[in-house]
Every structure is written in C-alpha cells, then in structure tokens.
Amino acid sequence: MNQIALTVQVDSLVGELLQDVTLDAKAMASMNFARLEHQRLERLIRTVVIPMIPDGYSSELGEALDRHLEQVRTFSRNFCWPHRHLGIAHGVIGGGRP
C-alpha cells in the first residue's frame, strides 16, 4: 500500500485546544432517544403550533420557532447521527433524520 506524507506549516494558532470526547454506548443511546424526542416535538411544533399562530410561518414567532428547531439539529450534529449504532446495546438505535 502506498503512503503519502503531508507536511503542514502553521505560523500561529488561534483558539483553544480541546480534548476528544468519547461517548459510551449508554450515552449514545441517550442521544438516540433525544433525537427521537426532538423529532416528535419538531413535528408537533411544525404541524400544530406554528399553523395556529396568526400568519403562521410568516410571523416573527413562527420564523423563530422554525429557526430554533433547525439550530438544535444542526449544532447538536443531529444528536451524533454518525454514531447512532453505538446505542443499540441500550435499546435505542437510529431514528430521526440524518
């Protein structure tokens, strides 16, 4: 197998060096459950709550609710979707959308 060496020169770094985070299977099962619950809450807010608001999605409140739902999914990395299968030993796997 051919290997390629990559050399990178960095003059300065800005920010903070953080340690890697490890999720065990039980923690991943909790993330899977959280994803499923968020999916249910999102469905309720998008199909019941926002349509009941005067002007629905066009209102300031409707736009804010829609935006915040999307931000939760985005900034949680969709509740660690790439690692969802780790939770199978604790009974919750997959669910939600990637």
PDB file of N, CA and C in Angstrom:
ATOM      1  N   MET A   1       0.848  -1.165   0.000  1.00  0.00           N
ATOM      2  CA  MET A   1       0.000   0.000   0.000  1.00  0.00           C
ATOM      3  C   MET A   1       0.897   1.232   0.000  1.00  0.00           C
ATOM      4  N   ASN A   2       0.594   2.188  -0.849  1.00  0.00           N
ATOM      5  CA  ASN A   2       1.341   3.441  -0.901  1.00  0.00           C
ATOM      6  C   ASN A   2       0.880   4.371   0.199  1.00  0.00           C
ATOM      7  N   GLN A   3       1.837   5.064   0.790  1.00  0.00           N
ATOM      8  CA  GLN A   3       1.507   6.037   1.820  1.00  0.00           C
ATOM      9  C   GLN A   3       1.998   7.400   1.380  1.00  0.00           C
ATOM     10  N   ILE A   4       1.232   8.412   1.713  1.00  0.00           N
ATOM     11  CA  ILE A   4       1.588   9.781   1.371  1.00  0.00           C
ATOM     12  C   ILE A   4       1.790  10.551   2.666  1.00  0.00           C
ATOM     13  N   ALA A   5       2.909  11.257   2.739  1.00  0.00           N
ATOM     14  CA  ALA A   5       3.180  12.084   3.920  1.00  0.00           C
ATOM     15  C   ALA A   5       2.762  13.512   3.600  1.00  0.00           C
ATOM     16  N   LEU A   6       2.079  14.140   4.523  1.00  0.00           N
ATOM     17  CA  LEU A   6       1.627  15.510   4.356  1.00  0.00           C
ATOM     18  C   LEU A   6       2.262  16.361   5.444  1.00  0.00           C
ATOM     19  N   THR A   7       2.903  17.427   5.040  1.00  0.00           N
ATOM     20  CA  THR A   7       3.525  18.340   5.991  1.00  0.00           C
ATOM     21  C   THR A   7       2.815  19.672   5.908  1.00  0.00           C
ATOM     22  N   VAL A   8       2.442  20.209   7.054  1.00  0.00           N
ATOM     23  CA  VAL A   8       1.739  21.486   7.111  1.00  0.00           C
ATOM     24  C   VAL A   8       2.512  22.398   8.052  1.00  0.00           C
ATOM     25  N   GLN A   9       2.765  23.621   7.608  1.00  0.00           N
ATOM     26  CA  GLN A   9       3.428  24.595   8.467  1.00  0.00           C
ATOM     27  C   GLN A   9       2.381  25.584   8.952  1.00  0.00           C
ATOM     28  N   VAL A  10       2.301  25.747  10.261  1.00  0.00           N
ATOM     29  CA  VAL A  10       1.350  26.667  10.862  1.00  0.00           C
ATOM     30  C   VAL A  10       2.145  27.747  11.587  1.00  0.00           C
ATOM     31  N   ASP A  11       1.917  28.994  11.210  1.00  0.00           N
ATOM     32  CA  ASP A  11       2.639  30.099  11.829  1.00  0.00           C
ATOM     33  C   ASP A  11       2.045  30.467  13.185  1.00  0.00           C
ATOM     34  N   SER A  12       0.743  30.406  13.300  1.00  0.00           N
ATOM     35  CA  SER A  12       0.121  30.702  14.583  1.00  0.00           C
ATOM     36  C   SER A  12      -1.247  30.041  14.650  1.00  0.00           C
ATOM     37  N   LEU A  13      -1.645  29.689  15.848  1.00  0.00           N
ATOM     38  CA  LEU A  13      -2.958  29.102  16.071  1.00  0.00           C
ATOM     39  C   LEU A  13      -3.769  30.041  16.957  1.00  0.00           C
ATOM     40  N   VAL A  14      -5.021  30.178  16.634  1.00  0.00           N
ATOM     41  CA  VAL A  14      -5.917  30.993  17.440  1.00  0.00           C
ATOM     42  C   VAL A  14      -7.010  30.073  17.953  1.00  0.00           C
ATOM     43  N   GLY A  15      -7.314  30.163  19.222  1.00  0.00           N
ATOM     44  CA  GLY A  15      -8.383  29.342  19.771  1.00  0.00           C
ATOM     45  C   GLY A  15      -7.895  28.537  20.951  1.00  0.00           C
ATOM     46  N   GLU A  16      -8.609  27.463  21.212  1.00  0.00           N
ATOM     47  CA  GLU A  16      -8.356  26.658  22.390  1.00  0.00           C
ATOM     48  C   GLU A  16      -8.281  25.200  21.973  1.00  0.00           C
ATOM     49  N   LEU A  17      -7.275  24.501  22.428  1.00  0.00           N
ATOM     50  CA  LEU A  17      -7.135  23.086  22.134  1.00  0.00           C
ATOM     51  C   LEU A  17      -8.012  22.301  23.104  1.00  0.00           C
ATOM     52  N   LEU A  18      -8.926  21.516  22.567  1.00  0.00           N
ATOM     53  CA  LEU A  18      -9.849  20.740  23.393  1.00  0.00           C
ATOM     54  C   LEU A  18      -9.535  19.260  23.255  1.00  0.00           C
ATOM     55  N   GLN A  19      -9.849  18.511  24.282  1.00  0.00           N
ATOM     56  CA  GLN A  19      -9.652  17.076  24.234  1.00  0.00           C
ATOM     57  C   GLN A  19     -10.782  16.423  23.438  1.00  0.00           C
ATOM     58  N   ASP A  20     -10.475  15.253  22.856  1.00  0.00           N
ATOM     59  CA  ASP A  20     -11.516  14.478  22.197  1.00  0.00           C
ATOM     60  C   ASP A  20     -12.537  14.033  23.234  1.00  0.00           C
ATOM     61  N   VAL A  21     -13.757  13.874  22.789  1.00  0.00           N
ATOM     62  CA  VAL A  21     -14.823  13.421  23.671  1.00  0.00           C
ATOM     63  C   VAL A  21     -15.209  12.012  23.256  1.00  0.00           C
ATOM     64  N   THR A  22     -15.406  11.172  24.220  1.00  0.00           N
ATOM     65  CA  THR A  22     -15.798   9.796  23.943  1.00  0.00           C
ATOM     66  C   THR A  22     -17.184   9.556  24.522  1.00  0.00           C
ATOM     67  N   LEU A  23     -18.068   9.010  23.709  1.00  0.00           N
ATOM     68  CA  LEU A  23     -19.402   8.636  24.172  1.00  0.00           C
ATOM     69  C   LEU A  23     -19.446   7.127  24.297  1.00  0.00           C
ATOM     70  N   ASP A  24     -19.879   6.653  25.449  1.00  0.00           N
ATOM     71  CA  ASP A  24     -20.056   5.219  25.577  1.00  0.00           C
ATOM     72  C   ASP A  24     -21.419   4.839  24.995  1.00  0.00           C
ATOM     73  N   ALA A  25     -21.697   3.555  24.947  1.00  0.00           N
ATOM     74  CA  ALA A  25     -22.935   3.075  24.323  1.00  0.00           C
ATOM     75  C   ALA A  25     -24.172   3.622  25.033  1.00  0.00           C
ATOM     76  N   LYS A  26     -24.112   3.739  26.354  1.00  0.00           N
ATOM     77  CA  LYS A  26     -25.261   4.255  27.096  1.00  0.00           C
ATOM     78  C   LYS A  26     -25.510   5.723  26.769  1.00  0.00           C
ATOM     79  N   ALA A  27     -24.445   6.513  26.675  1.00  0.00           N
ATOM     80  CA  ALA A  27     -24.592   7.929  26.316  1.00  0.00           C
ATOM     81  C   ALA A  27     -25.124   8.065  24.891  1.00  0.00           C
ATOM     82  N   MET A  28     -24.673   7.184  23.999  1.00  0.00           N
ATOM     83  CA  MET A  28     -25.162   7.239  22.624  1.00  0.00           C
ATOM     84  C   MET A  28     -26.630   6.850  22.555  1.00  0.00           C
ATOM     85  N   ALA A  29     -27.048   5.895  23.399  1.00  0.00           N
ATOM     86  CA  ALA A  29     -28.466   5.533  23.460  1.00  0.00           C
ATOM     87  C   ALA A  29     -29.284   6.736  23.902  1.00  0.00           C
ATOM     88  N   SER A  30     -28.756   7.524  24.831  1.00  0.00           N
ATOM     89  CA  SER A  30     -29.452   8.738  25.271  1.00  0.00           C
ATOM     90  C   SER A  30     -29.555   9.747  24.133  1.00  0.00           C
ATOM     91  N   MET A  31     -28.490   9.873  23.348  1.00  0.00           N
ATOM     92  CA  MET A  31     -28.534  10.784  22.199  1.00  0.00           C
ATOM     93  C   MET A  31     -29.570  10.303  21.178  1.00  0.00           C
ATOM     94  N   ASN A  32     -29.641   8.998  20.971  1.00  0.00           N
ATOM     95  CA  ASN A  32     -30.636   8.454  20.050  1.00  0.00           C
ATOM     96  C   ASN A  32     -32.044   8.761  20.554  1.00  0.00           C
ATOM     97  N   PHE A  33     -32.257   8.599  21.858  1.00  0.00           N
ATOM     98  CA  PHE A  33     -33.566   8.903  22.437  1.00  0.00           C
ATOM     99  C   PHE A  33     -33.877  10.391  22.295  1.00  0.00           C
ATOM    100  N   ALA A  34     -32.882  11.233  22.550  1.00  0.00           N
ATOM    101  CA  ALA A  34     -33.071  12.684  22.408  1.00  0.00           C
ATOM    102  C   ALA A  34     -33.427  13.044  20.970  1.00  0.00           C
ATOM    103  N   ARG A  35     -32.812  12.380  20.002  1.00  0.00           N
ATOM    104  CA  ARG A  35     -33.123  12.638  18.596  1.00  0.00           C
ATOM    105  C   ARG A  35     -34.572  12.280  18.289  1.00  0.00           C
ATOM    106  N   LEU A  36     -35.029  11.137  18.818  1.00  0.00           N
ATOM    107  CA  LEU A  36     -36.417  10.725  18.597  1.00  0.00           C
ATOM    108  C   LEU A  36     -37.400  11.701  19.243  1.00  0.00           C
ATOM    109  N   GLU A  37     -37.095  12.129  20.462  1.00  0.00           N
ATOM    110  CA  GLU A  37     -37.971  13.084  21.147  1.00  0.00           C
ATOM    111  C   GLU A  37     -37.985  14.431  20.438  1.00  0.00           C
ATOM    112  N   HIS A  38     -36.835  14.864  19.951  1.00  0.00           N
ATOM    113  CA  HIS A  38     -36.778  16.127  19.210  1.00  0.00           C
ATOM    114  C   HIS A  38     -37.596  16.011  17.928  1.00  0.00           C
ATOM    115  N   GLN A  39     -37.527  14.880  17.280  1.00  0.00           N
ATOM    116  CA  GLN A  39     -38.307  14.661  16.059  1.00  0.00           C
ATOM    117  C   GLN A  39     -39.808  14.778  16.353  1.00  0.00           C
ATOM    118  N   ARG A  40     -40.246  14.202  17.465  1.00  0.00           N
ATOM    119  CA  ARG A  40     -41.663  14.290  17.841  1.00  0.00           C
ATOM    120  C   ARG A  40     -42.067  15.732  18.162  1.00  0.00           C
ATOM    121  N   LEU A  41     -41.226  16.419  18.930  1.00  0.00           N
ATOM    122  CA  LEU A  41     -41.502  17.813  19.275  1.00  0.00           C
ATOM    123  C   LEU A  41     -41.509  18.692  18.028  1.00  0.00           C
ATOM    124  N   GLU A  42     -40.556  18.460  17.141  1.00  0.00           N
ATOM    125  CA  GLU A  42     -40.484  19.224  15.900  1.00  0.00           C
ATOM    126  C   GLU A  42     -41.753  19.026  15.065  1.00  0.00           C
ATOM    127  N   ARG A  43     -42.210  17.794  14.952  1.00  0.00           N
ATOM    128  CA  ARG A  43     -43.429  17.503  14.185  1.00  0.00           C
ATOM    129  C   ARG A  43     -44.628  18.241  14.790  1.00  0.00           C
ATOM    130  N   LEU A  44     -44.739  18.222  16.114  1.00  0.00           N
ATOM    131  CA  LEU A  44     -45.835  18.909  16.808  1.00  0.00           C
ATOM    132  C   LEU A  44     -45.774  20.427  16.574  1.00  0.00           C
ATOM    133  N   ILE A  45     -44.599  20.995  16.726  1.00  0.00           N
ATOM    134  CA  ILE A  45     -44.459  22.449  16.550  1.00  0.00           C
ATOM    135  C   ILE A  45     -44.722  22.857  15.107  1.00  0.00           C
ATOM    136  N   ARG A  46     -44.188  22.085  14.150  1.00  0.00           N
ATOM    137  CA  ARG A  46     -44.333  22.454  12.732  1.00  0.00           C
ATOM    138  C   ARG A  46     -45.744  22.206  12.180  1.00  0.00           C
ATOM    139  N   THR A  47     -46.438  21.189  12.700  1.00  0.00           N
ATOM    140  CA  THR A  47     -47.752  20.861  12.133  1.00  0.00           C
ATOM    141  C   THR A  47     -48.931  21.394  12.937  1.00  0.00           C
ATOM    142  N   VAL A  48     -48.716  21.709  14.234  1.00  0.00           N
ATOM    143  CA  VAL A  48     -49.817  22.177  15.067  1.00  0.00           C
ATOM    144  C   VAL A  48     -49.590  23.606  15.558  1.00  0.00           C
ATOM    145  N   VAL A  49     -48.480  23.832  16.226  1.00  0.00           N
ATOM    146  CA  VAL A  49     -48.249  25.118  16.883  1.00  0.00           C
ATOM    147  C   VAL A  49     -48.082  26.258  15.880  1.00  0.00           C
ATOM    148  N   ILE A  50     -47.138  26.128  14.962  1.00  0.00           N
ATOM    149  CA  ILE A  50     -46.883  27.235  14.017  1.00  0.00           C
ATOM    150  C   ILE A  50     -48.108  27.548  13.163  1.00  0.00           C
ATOM    151  N   PRO A  51     -48.821  26.538  12.630  1.00  0.00           N
ATOM    152  CA  PRO A  51     -50.027  26.873  11.868  1.00  0.00           C
ATOM    153  C   PRO A  51     -51.112  27.580  12.693  1.00  0.00           C
ATOM    154  N   MET A  52     -51.122  27.410  14.023  1.00  0.00           N
ATOM    155  CA  MET A  52     -52.121  28.067  14.872  1.00  0.00           C
ATOM    156  C   MET A  52     -51.779  29.535  15.153  1.00  0.00           C
ATOM    157  N   ILE A  53     -50.534  29.911  14.933  1.00  0.00           N
ATOM    158  CA  ILE A  53     -50.099  31.298  15.158  1.00  0.00           C
ATOM    159  C   ILE A  53     -50.625  32.149  14.010  1.00  0.00           C
ATOM    160  N   PRO A  54     -51.208  33.332  14.301  1.00  0.00           N
ATOM    161  CA  PRO A  54     -51.625  34.207  13.195  1.00  0.00           C
ATOM    162  C   PRO A  54     -50.452  34.459  12.243  1.00  0.00           C
ATOM    163  N   ASP A  55     -50.664  34.270  10.965  1.00  0.00           N
ATOM    164  CA  ASP A  55     -49.660  34.387   9.895  1.00  0.00           C
ATOM    165  C   ASP A  55     -48.654  33.236   9.892  1.00  0.00           C
ATOM    166  N   GLY A  56     -48.825  32.242  10.745  1.00  0.00           N
ATOM    167  CA  GLY A  56     -48.032  31.010  10.727  1.00  0.00           C
ATOM    168  C   GLY A  56     -46.542  31.214  10.570  1.00  0.00           C
ATOM    169  N   TYR A  57     -45.977  30.571   9.547  1.00  0.00           N
ATOM    170  CA  TYR A  57     -44.538  30.634   9.295  1.00  0.00           C
ATOM    171  C   TYR A  57     -44.077  32.034   8.906  1.00  0.00           C
ATOM    172  N   SER A  58     -44.983  32.885   8.467  1.00  0.00           N
ATOM    173  CA  SER A  58     -44.618  34.254   8.067  1.00  0.00           C
ATOM    174  C   SER A  58     -44.478  35.186   9.268  1.00  0.00           C
ATOM    175  N   SER A  59     -45.003  34.773  10.411  1.00  0.00           N
ATOM    176  CA  SER A  59     -44.924  35.622  11.603  1.00  0.00           C
ATOM    177  C   SER A  59     -43.518  35.555  12.202  1.00  0.00           C
ATOM    178  N   GLU A  60     -43.213  36.538  13.018  1.00  0.00           N
ATOM    179  CA  GLU A  60     -41.906  36.568  13.681  1.00  0.00           C
ATOM    180  C   GLU A  60     -41.731  35.349  14.591  1.00  0.00           C
ATOM    181  N   LEU A  61     -42.791  34.992  15.322  1.00  0.00           N
ATOM    182  CA  LEU A  61     -42.726  33.833  16.211  1.00  0.00           C
ATOM    183  C   LEU A  61     -42.585  32.536  15.415  1.00  0.00           C
ATOM    184  N   GLY A  62     -43.328  32.398  14.345  1.00  0.00           N
ATOM    185  CA  GLY A  62     -43.234  31.202  13.502  1.00  0.00           C
ATOM    186  C   GLY A  62     -41.843  31.033  12.913  1.00  0.00           C
ATOM    187  N   GLU A  63     -41.277  32.127  12.438  1.00  0.00           N
ATOM    188  CA  GLU A  63     -39.917  32.079  11.892  1.00  0.00           C
ATOM    189  C   GLU A  63     -38.913  31.699  12.971  1.00  0.00           C
ATOM    190  N   ALA A  64     -39.074  32.266  14.176  1.00  0.00           N
ATOM    191  CA  ALA A  64     -38.150  31.979  15.272  1.00  0.00           C
ATOM    192  C   ALA A  64     -38.222  30.511  15.686  1.00  0.00           C
ATOM    193  N   LEU A  65     -39.430  29.980  15.821  1.00  0.00           N
ATOM    194  CA  LEU A  65     -39.578  28.567  16.191  1.00  0.00           C
ATOM    195  C   LEU A  65     -38.941  27.665  15.147  1.00  0.00           C
ATOM    196  N   ASP A  66     -39.207  27.948  13.884  1.00  0.00           N
ATOM    197  CA  ASP A  66     -38.641  27.168  12.795  1.00  0.00           C
ATOM    198  C   ASP A  66     -37.114  27.224  12.820  1.00  0.00           C
ATOM    199  N   ARG A  67     -36.562  28.409  13.005  1.00  0.00           N
ATOM    200  CA  ARG A  67     -35.112  28.597  13.032  1.00  0.00           C
ATOM    201  C   ARG A  67     -34.478  27.854  14.210  1.00  0.00           C
ATOM    202  N   HIS A  68     -35.092  27.957  15.388  1.00  0.00           N
ATOM    203  CA  HIS A  68     -34.520  27.308  16.567  1.00  0.00           C
ATOM    204  C   HIS A  68     -34.575  25.782  16.467  1.00  0.00           C
ATOM    205  N   LEU A  69     -35.624  25.247  15.891  1.00  0.00           N
ATOM    206  CA  LEU A  69     -35.680  23.799  15.682  1.00  0.00           C
ATOM    207  C   LEU A  69     -34.523  23.343  14.802  1.00  0.00           C
ATOM    208  N   GLU A  70     -34.273  24.094  13.747  1.00  0.00           N
ATOM    209  CA  GLU A  70     -33.195  23.735  12.831  1.00  0.00           C
ATOM    210  C   GLU A  70     -31.827  23.902  13.499  1.00  0.00           C
ATOM    211  N   GLN A  71     -31.673  24.917  14.327  1.00  0.00           N
ATOM    212  CA  GLN A  71     -30.395  25.139  15.009  1.00  0.00           C
ATOM    213  C   GLN A  71     -30.081  24.020  15.997  1.00  0.00           C
ATOM    214  N   VAL A  72     -31.091  23.520  16.687  1.00  0.00           N
ATOM    215  CA  VAL A  72     -30.862  22.406  17.611  1.00  0.00           C
ATOM    216  C   VAL A  72     -30.321  21.214  16.839  1.00  0.00           C
ATOM    217  N   ARG A  73     -30.922  20.909  15.710  1.00  0.00           N
ATOM    218  CA  ARG A  73     -30.484  19.767  14.909  1.00  0.00           C
ATOM    219  C   ARG A  73     -29.071  19.993  14.361  1.00  0.00           C
ATOM    220  N   THR A  74     -28.822  21.196  13.868  1.00  0.00           N
ATOM    221  CA  THR A  74     -27.525  21.491  13.268  1.00  0.00           C
ATOM    222  C   THR A  74     -26.401  21.499  14.292  1.00  0.00           C
ATOM    223  N   PHE A  75     -26.576  22.225  15.379  1.00  0.00           N
ATOM    224  CA  PHE A  75     -25.492  22.396  16.329  1.00  0.00           C
ATOM    225  C   PHE A  75     -25.309  21.216  17.277  1.00  0.00           C
ATOM    226  N   SER A  76     -26.248  20.289  17.292  1.00  0.00           N
ATOM    227  CA  SER A  76     -26.054  19.055  18.055  1.00  0.00           C
ATOM    228  C   SER A  76     -25.456  17.978  17.150  1.00  0.00           C
ATOM    229  N   ARG A  77     -25.166  18.379  15.915  1.00  0.00           N
ATOM    230  CA  ARG A  77     -24.739  17.428  14.875  1.00  0.00           C
ATOM    231  C   ARG A  77     -25.777  16.322  14.765  1.00  0.00           C
ATOM    232  N   ASN A  78     -27.033  16.748  14.805  1.00  0.00           N
ATOM    233  CA  ASN A  78     -28.183  15.845  14.772  1.00  0.00           C
ATOM    234  C   ASN A  78     -28.048  14.744  15.811  1.00  0.00           C
ATOM    235  N   PHE A  79     -27.675  15.167  17.019  1.00  0.00           N
ATOM    236  CA  PHE A  79     -27.568  14.247  18.151  1.00  0.00           C
ATOM    237  C   PHE A  79     -26.610  13.089  17.838  1.00  0.00           C
ATOM    238  N   CYS A  80     -25.442  13.446  17.273  1.00  0.00           N
ATOM    239  CA  CYS A  80     -24.373  12.483  16.954  1.00  0.00           C
ATOM    240  C   CYS A  80     -24.848  11.392  15.986  1.00  0.00           C
ATOM    241  N   TRP A  81     -25.600  11.775  14.976  1.00  0.00           N
ATOM    242  CA  TRP A  81     -26.158  10.828  13.992  1.00  0.00           C
ATOM    243  C   TRP A  81     -25.134   9.832  13.451  1.00  0.00           C
ATOM    244  N   PRO A  82     -23.901  10.227  13.099  1.00  0.00           N
ATOM    245  CA  PRO A  82     -22.966   9.247  12.536  1.00  0.00           C
ATOM    246  C   PRO A  82     -22.654   8.085  13.483  1.00  0.00           C
ATOM    247  N   HIS A  83     -22.870   8.255  14.781  1.00  0.00           N
ATOM    248  CA  HIS A  83     -22.511   7.228  15.759  1.00  0.00           C
ATOM    249  C   HIS A  83     -23.732   6.567  16.394  1.00  0.00           C
ATOM    250  N   ARG A  84     -24.887   6.688  15.764  1.00  0.00           N
ATOM    251  CA  ARG A  84     -26.145   6.249  16.363  1.00  0.00           C
ATOM    252  C   ARG A  84     -26.180   4.757  16.673  1.00  0.00           C
ATOM    253  N   HIS A  85     -25.421   3.931  15.946  1.00  0.00           N
ATOM    254  CA  HIS A  85     -25.478   2.485  16.160  1.00  0.00           C
ATOM    255  C   HIS A  85     -24.805   2.049  17.461  1.00  0.00           C
ATOM    256  N   LEU A  86     -24.023   2.914  18.072  1.00  0.00           N
ATOM    257  CA  LEU A  86     -23.368   2.568  19.335  1.00  0.00           C
ATOM    258  C   LEU A  86     -24.375   2.347  20.459  1.00  0.00           C
ATOM    259  N   GLY A  87     -25.569   2.919  20.333  1.00  0.00           N
ATOM    260  CA  GLY A  87     -26.557   2.824  21.398  1.00  0.00           C
ATOM    261  C   GLY A  87     -27.404   1.571  21.383  1.00  0.00           C
ATOM    262  N   ILE A  88     -27.194   0.680  20.429  1.00  0.00           N
ATOM    263  CA  ILE A  88     -28.049  -0.496  20.292  1.00  0.00           C
ATOM    264  C   ILE A  88     -28.044  -1.373  21.543  1.00  0.00           C
ATOM    265  N   ALA A  89     -26.930  -1.457  22.238  1.00  0.00           N
ATOM    266  CA  ALA A  89     -26.850  -2.305  23.427  1.00  0.00           C
ATOM    267  C   ALA A  89     -27.767  -1.817  24.543  1.00  0.00           C
ATOM    268  N   HIS A  90     -28.182  -0.565  24.453  1.00  0.00           N
ATOM    269  CA  HIS A  90     -29.045   0.001  25.496  1.00  0.00           C
ATOM    270  C   HIS A  90     -30.461   0.272  24.977  1.00  0.00           C
ATOM    271  N   GLY A  91     -30.786  -0.309  23.828  1.00  0.00           N
ATOM    272  CA  GLY A  91     -32.169  -0.340  23.387  1.00  0.00           C
ATOM    273  C   GLY A  91     -32.662   0.783  22.508  1.00  0.00           C
ATOM    274  N   VAL A  92     -31.861   1.759  22.182  1.00  0.00           N
ATOM    275  CA  VAL A  92     -32.331   2.825  21.298  1.00  0.00           C
ATOM    276  C   VAL A  92     -31.321   2.968  20.172  1.00  0.00           C
ATOM    277  N   ILE A  93     -31.788   2.829  18.932  1.00  0.00           N
ATOM    278  CA  ILE A  93     -30.899   2.939  17.784  1.00  0.00           C
ATOM    279  C   ILE A  93     -31.578   3.732  16.687  1.00  0.00           C
ATOM    280  N   GLY A  94     -30.792   4.501  15.968  1.00  0.00           N
ATOM    281  CA  GLY A  94     -31.287   5.231  14.817  1.00  0.00           C
ATOM    282  C   GLY A  94     -32.395   6.188  15.155  1.00  0.00           C
ATOM    283  N   GLY A  95     -33.333   6.304  14.246  1.00  0.00           N
ATOM    284  CA  GLY A  95     -34.435   7.234  14.420  1.00  0.00           C
ATOM    285  C   GLY A  95     -34.017   8.630  14.033  1.00  0.00           C
ATOM    286  N   GLY A  96     -34.976   9.444  13.693  1.00  0.00           N
ATOM    287  CA  GLY A  96     -34.647  10.798  13.275  1.00  0.00           C
ATOM    288  C   GLY A  96     -34.116  10.786  11.853  1.00  0.00           C
ATOM    289  N   ARG A  97     -33.780  11.952  11.390  1.00  0.00           N
ATOM    290  CA  ARG A  97     -33.270  12.034  10.030  1.00  0.00           C
ATOM    291  C   ARG A  97     -31.793  12.384  10.074  1.00  0.00           C
ATOM    292  N   PRO A  98     -31.025  11.940   9.084  1.00  0.00           N
ATOM    293  CA  PRO A  98     -29.601  12.254   9.073  1.00  0.00           C
ATOM    294  C   PRO A  98     -29.373  13.712   8.763  1.00  0.00           C
TER     295      PRO A  98
END
